[in-house]
Amino acid sequence: MSTYLDPDRAQFDAFKALDRDAELNMLNLVKFNDLANYPGDHILARDGLTGAQAYGNYGTQTAPILAKVGGSILWRGQFECTLIGPSDETWDAMFIAHYPTAHAFLAMISDPAYQKAVVHRQAAVKTSRLIRSAHLPLTDKFA
């Protein structure tokens, strides 16, 4: 399993090039470190937190910021198995976050409180996928 913690420059530029006024959903797939990997000078570096505990800290601190920008969690799920796809990709957290616009998402990640809290995510996550999707009307067809 490859490690993906943060977007690279090309991915972030592609995100910013999309319509910033459209509502969007972000599929989050997250695999935790067994033990949180805080920077050596961080106050929690020696506390022996698990990745799940560190991610819990991230969630607690960022939930008010998500709400402040008008975002919400639409769906959460528990990973069970992969039917089609890499069998080595398992996920500890799966959820869909909704944002009224890309501007809202960018405001959230630019917020100073978010910038302070993201250290918990970085310490917690072994690998992740963050996939932006646009809303489509529901129909009785797959495509």
Protein backbone atom coordinates (compact mmCIF):
# COMPACT_ATOMS: atom_id res chain seq x y z
CA MET A 1 0.00 0.00 0.00
CA SER A 2 1.44 3.35 -1.01
CA THR A 3 1.53 6.22 1.45
CA TYR A 4 -0.56 9.30 0.72
CA LEU A 5 -0.90 11.89 3.50
CA ASP A 6 -1.24 15.24 1.76
CA PRO A 7 -1.94 16.29 -1.84
CA ASP A 8 1.04 16.93 -4.06
CA ARG A 9 1.27 20.27 -5.89
CA ALA A 10 -0.22 18.91 -9.16
CA GLN A 11 -3.20 17.39 -7.33
CA PHE A 12 -3.86 20.57 -5.36
CA ASP A 13 -3.57 22.70 -8.50
CA ALA A 14 -6.05 20.39 -10.29
CA PHE A 15 -8.46 20.75 -7.34
CA LYS A 16 -8.17 24.54 -7.39
CA ALA A 17 -8.73 24.63 -11.17
CA LEU A 18 -12.19 23.06 -10.81
CA ASP A 19 -15.35 25.12 -10.25
CA ARG A 20 -14.94 26.73 -6.83
CA ASP A 21 -18.60 27.78 -6.59
CA ALA A 22 -20.09 24.30 -6.99
CA GLU A 23 -21.03 22.15 -4.02
CA LEU A 24 -18.86 19.09 -3.58
CA ASN A 25 -18.47 15.91 -1.61
CA MET A 26 -15.15 14.49 -0.49
CA LEU A 27 -14.82 10.73 -0.08
CA ASN A 28 -12.30 10.08 2.70
CA LEU A 29 -10.62 6.69 3.06
CA VAL A 30 -8.13 6.54 5.92
CA LYS A 31 -5.72 3.90 7.24
CA PHE A 32 -4.22 4.68 10.66
CA ASN A 33 -0.70 4.18 11.95
CA ASP A 34 -0.59 1.68 14.79
CA LEU A 35 1.04 4.40 16.91
CA ALA A 36 0.69 8.11 16.20
CA ASN A 37 3.80 9.58 14.60
CA TYR A 38 4.00 13.11 16.05
CA PRO A 39 7.03 15.31 15.38
CA GLY A 40 9.65 14.89 18.13
CA ASP A 41 9.01 18.34 19.62
CA HIS A 42 5.20 17.97 19.75
CA ILE A 43 3.71 17.80 23.24
CA LEU A 44 1.99 14.46 22.43
CA ALA A 45 5.07 12.85 20.83
CA ARG A 46 5.85 10.77 23.94
CA ASP A 47 2.28 9.96 24.99
CA GLY A 48 2.09 6.73 22.97
CA LEU A 49 -1.25 7.55 21.35
CA THR A 50 -2.57 5.21 18.71
CA GLY A 51 -3.23 6.49 15.23
CA ALA A 52 -6.96 6.16 15.93
CA GLN A 53 -6.64 8.30 19.07
CA ALA A 54 -4.67 10.98 17.20
CA TYR A 55 -7.29 10.99 14.44
CA GLY A 56 -9.95 11.37 17.12
CA ASN A 57 -8.11 14.50 18.30
CA TYR A 58 -8.09 15.77 14.71
CA GLY A 59 -11.82 15.15 14.36
CA THR A 60 -12.67 16.82 17.66
CA GLN A 61 -10.67 19.93 16.82
CA THR A 62 -11.77 20.25 13.18
CA ALA A 63 -15.50 19.49 13.52
CA PRO A 64 -16.34 23.08 14.59
CA ILE A 65 -14.30 24.43 11.66
CA LEU A 66 -16.13 22.15 9.22
CA ALA A 67 -19.45 23.40 10.61
CA LYS A 68 -18.29 27.03 10.50
CA VAL A 69 -17.71 26.82 6.72
CA GLY A 70 -21.10 25.15 6.21
CA GLY A 71 -19.77 21.62 5.80
CA SER A 72 -21.07 18.39 7.28
CA ILE A 73 -20.47 14.66 7.35
CA LEU A 74 -23.01 12.99 5.04
CA TRP A 75 -22.06 9.37 5.60
CA ARG A 76 -19.76 7.23 7.73
CA GLY A 77 -19.10 3.55 7.22
CA GLN A 78 -17.18 0.61 8.64
CA PHE A 79 -14.87 -1.14 6.15
CA GLU A 80 -15.68 -4.83 5.73
CA CYS A 81 -13.93 -6.10 2.60
CA THR A 82 -12.87 -5.16 -0.92
CA LEU A 83 -14.80 -7.03 -3.62
CA ILE A 84 -13.02 -5.38 -6.58
CA GLY A 85 -9.71 -3.61 -6.10
CA PRO A 86 -6.41 -4.02 -4.30
CA SER A 87 -6.80 -6.53 -1.49
CA ASP A 88 -4.06 -4.82 0.52
CA GLU A 89 -6.09 -1.61 0.86
CA THR A 90 -8.12 -1.73 4.04
CA TRP A 91 -9.55 1.36 5.73
CA ASP A 92 -9.97 2.30 9.38
CA ALA A 93 -12.17 5.33 8.66
CA MET A 94 -14.50 5.93 5.72
CA PHE A 95 -16.73 8.95 5.38
CA ILE A 96 -18.11 11.53 2.97
CA ALA A 97 -17.78 15.20 3.89
CA HIS A 98 -20.01 17.72 2.14
CA TYR A 99 -18.97 21.30 1.42
CA PRO A 100 -21.29 23.98 0.02
CA THR A 101 -18.45 25.13 -2.29
CA ALA A 102 -14.76 24.51 -2.90
CA HIS A 103 -14.26 27.98 -1.41
CA ALA A 104 -15.62 26.54 1.86
CA PHE A 105 -13.17 23.62 1.75
CA LEU A 106 -10.28 26.00 1.05
CA ALA A 107 -11.43 28.30 3.87
CA MET A 108 -11.46 25.33 6.24
CA ILE A 109 -7.93 24.16 5.44
CA SER A 110 -6.67 27.78 5.57
CA ASP A 111 -8.21 28.44 9.00
CA PRO A 112 -5.46 28.94 11.63
CA ALA A 113 -7.21 26.53 14.02
CA TYR A 114 -7.30 23.89 11.28
CA GLN A 115 -3.62 24.48 10.53
CA LYS A 116 -2.88 23.80 14.19
CA ALA A 117 -5.10 20.68 14.34
CA VAL A 118 -3.82 19.03 11.14
CA VAL A 119 -0.73 17.80 13.04
CA HIS A 120 -3.04 15.17 14.57
CA ARG A 121 -4.11 13.96 11.12
CA GLN A 122 -0.52 13.83 9.92
CA ALA A 123 0.52 11.86 13.02
CA ALA A 124 -2.45 9.49 12.76
CA VAL A 125 -2.54 8.56 9.08
CA LYS A 126 -0.54 5.78 7.46
CA THR A 127 -2.20 6.37 4.09
CA SER A 128 -5.39 7.92 2.79
CA ARG A 129 -7.46 8.78 -0.24
CA LEU A 130 -9.36 12.06 -0.55
CA ILE A 131 -11.56 12.07 -3.63
CA ARG A 132 -13.56 15.11 -4.74
CA SER A 133 -16.87 14.45 -6.45
CA ALA A 134 -19.56 16.65 -7.94
CA HIS A 135 -23.23 16.14 -7.21
CA LEU A 136 -25.31 14.41 -9.88
CA PRO A 137 -29.09 13.96 -9.80
CA LEU A 138 -30.27 10.58 -8.56
CA THR A 139 -31.79 8.27 -11.16
CA ASP A 140 -32.62 4.57 -11.33
CA LYS A 141 -29.56 3.97 -13.53
CA PHE A 142 -25.87 3.52 -12.63
CA ALA A 143 -24.60 5.88 -15.28
